[in-house]
Every structure is written in structure tokens, then in C-alpha cells.
Amino acid sequence: MEKTKVLYIEDEPFLARIVKESLESRDFDVMLINDGALALNAFTDYAPDICVLDIMLPNKDGFTIAMEIRKIAHSIPLIFLTAKTQTSDLLKGFGLGGNDYLKKPFSMEELIVRINNLINLTSASQNQNLKSNDNGIIALGKYTFVPRKLELIFGTETRKLSLRETQLLEILIKDKENPVMRKDILMQIWSDDSFYNSRNLDVYISKLRDYLSKDPAIQILTLKGVGYRFILDL
């Protein structure tokens, strides 16, 4: 079973070390960032399952980071950590897409419970919104995907897909919001990760993004140097 990946953004060295080591001792995979300006690149490179954000950070605050993350990943869980207690701060955090809010000082047990709860809720919602029936028909947001017929349906419009388009879409949605390695896609579809096939993959990704563009809840996110992540906002 893969470890849950936590992007932890905190500039207090002592607290950051304690939280990181505690989470890792509970079998979480943790990337620690101590500068708000580095957060968005870390998010796209690391492809976390959940983000834990301090609000007061150097160069870019947690609210701004949350807003930037929400532009590219609508449903990933976000937990704010802060010493602030005003109601206005709480409302601002939730208004920017935060899922939970933990006031400092906090116990590690409480943080771990909240992380696990959000991961479980997100996973359950994704399973409900991305499922196949007995005929192999997959509900994909506002679309219906029928792999055996090479069809993608939106309302009364049916688009015939090529075999490789169908294979690519199946690979992207197989693990829902988990990242798919670019090399793995190339080997599964073309059995070759040459430069020529890599450029072909870029073309197919662009086509699928265009085909799925009528539902803004669906995104195929490029993870620089890694691969792709299929996102279905709930």
C-alpha cells in the first residue's frame, strides 16, 4: 500500500521538525517546505494527497498558496495551521477552499486524525463520482465514458475515440487522482518511450483535454518531470 503523501509548509524550524518526524513515524510520506514562494512548484512536483499549510509564511502566505493550489487541483484536501483565532481568518480560510483549520498549539494525534479523516472522505467521494457499471460504462463527471465502444458521451453528443485515446483515458482515470508516470503510459500504449512517441503522447493529452473541456470539474494536470494527474472536482 502506498504511503499518503503530505505537503507540509511551515517556517518554524522546531515545530516543522516535530510534525514531520511524527507523521513519518506513522508511515506518512512528508515533503517539508519552509518558504511560501516554493510551495506551488513543490505541489506540482510532489503531487501530494493532502496539504498542511501554515498561514504566516515568508514571501507568500498560506491563504495565497491555497488559492493558487485550488486553481489547478479543486478537490485535494487542505488543512490550515495557524496561531490566529479571529473568526474572519477562519472564514477567509474556508472561503479560499480550506477543508479544515487547526489552531496552534495542537496535538499530533488531532492532526493525524484530521488528515486521515479528510483522506478517507475524499477517497469515498471520488469512488462515488467515478465508477463503472456492469456494462463497463464509466460515469466521468458530466461525461459518460464507454471504453468497449471507444465512445465519450456528453449529453446528446457522442464522440468516437481512437483506440489509443481510449487506452490513455483508461490509464489516467484508473487510479483517480493519483499521479501516472509519463514513462509508464508510453510503455503501456506504445511499448516504447522514444522521443517520437513522447511527442505523440503530448498530442493525445491535448486532445483529451479538449474533449473533456465542457466539464470544468475535470482536469488533466501535468506534473513537471513526473507525468499526469486526472482530477475530478466534486
Foldseek 3Di string as FASTA:
>chain_A
DAAAEEEEEAQPVVVQVVLCVVVVVVVHHYDYHQAPVCLVLCCLQVVGQAYEAEADGPPHGPLVSLLVVCVAAVQRAYEYEYQDDDPVVVVSCVVSPHDYYHYPPDDSVVVVVVVVVSSVVSVVVQPVQWDADPQRWTRAPQWIQRLVQCWIDHVPDIDRHDNLLSVVVCQQPVVAFDFDFLVVSCCVRVVDDDPVVSVVVVVSQVVVCVVPVVRVQWDWDQRPPGGTGTGGND
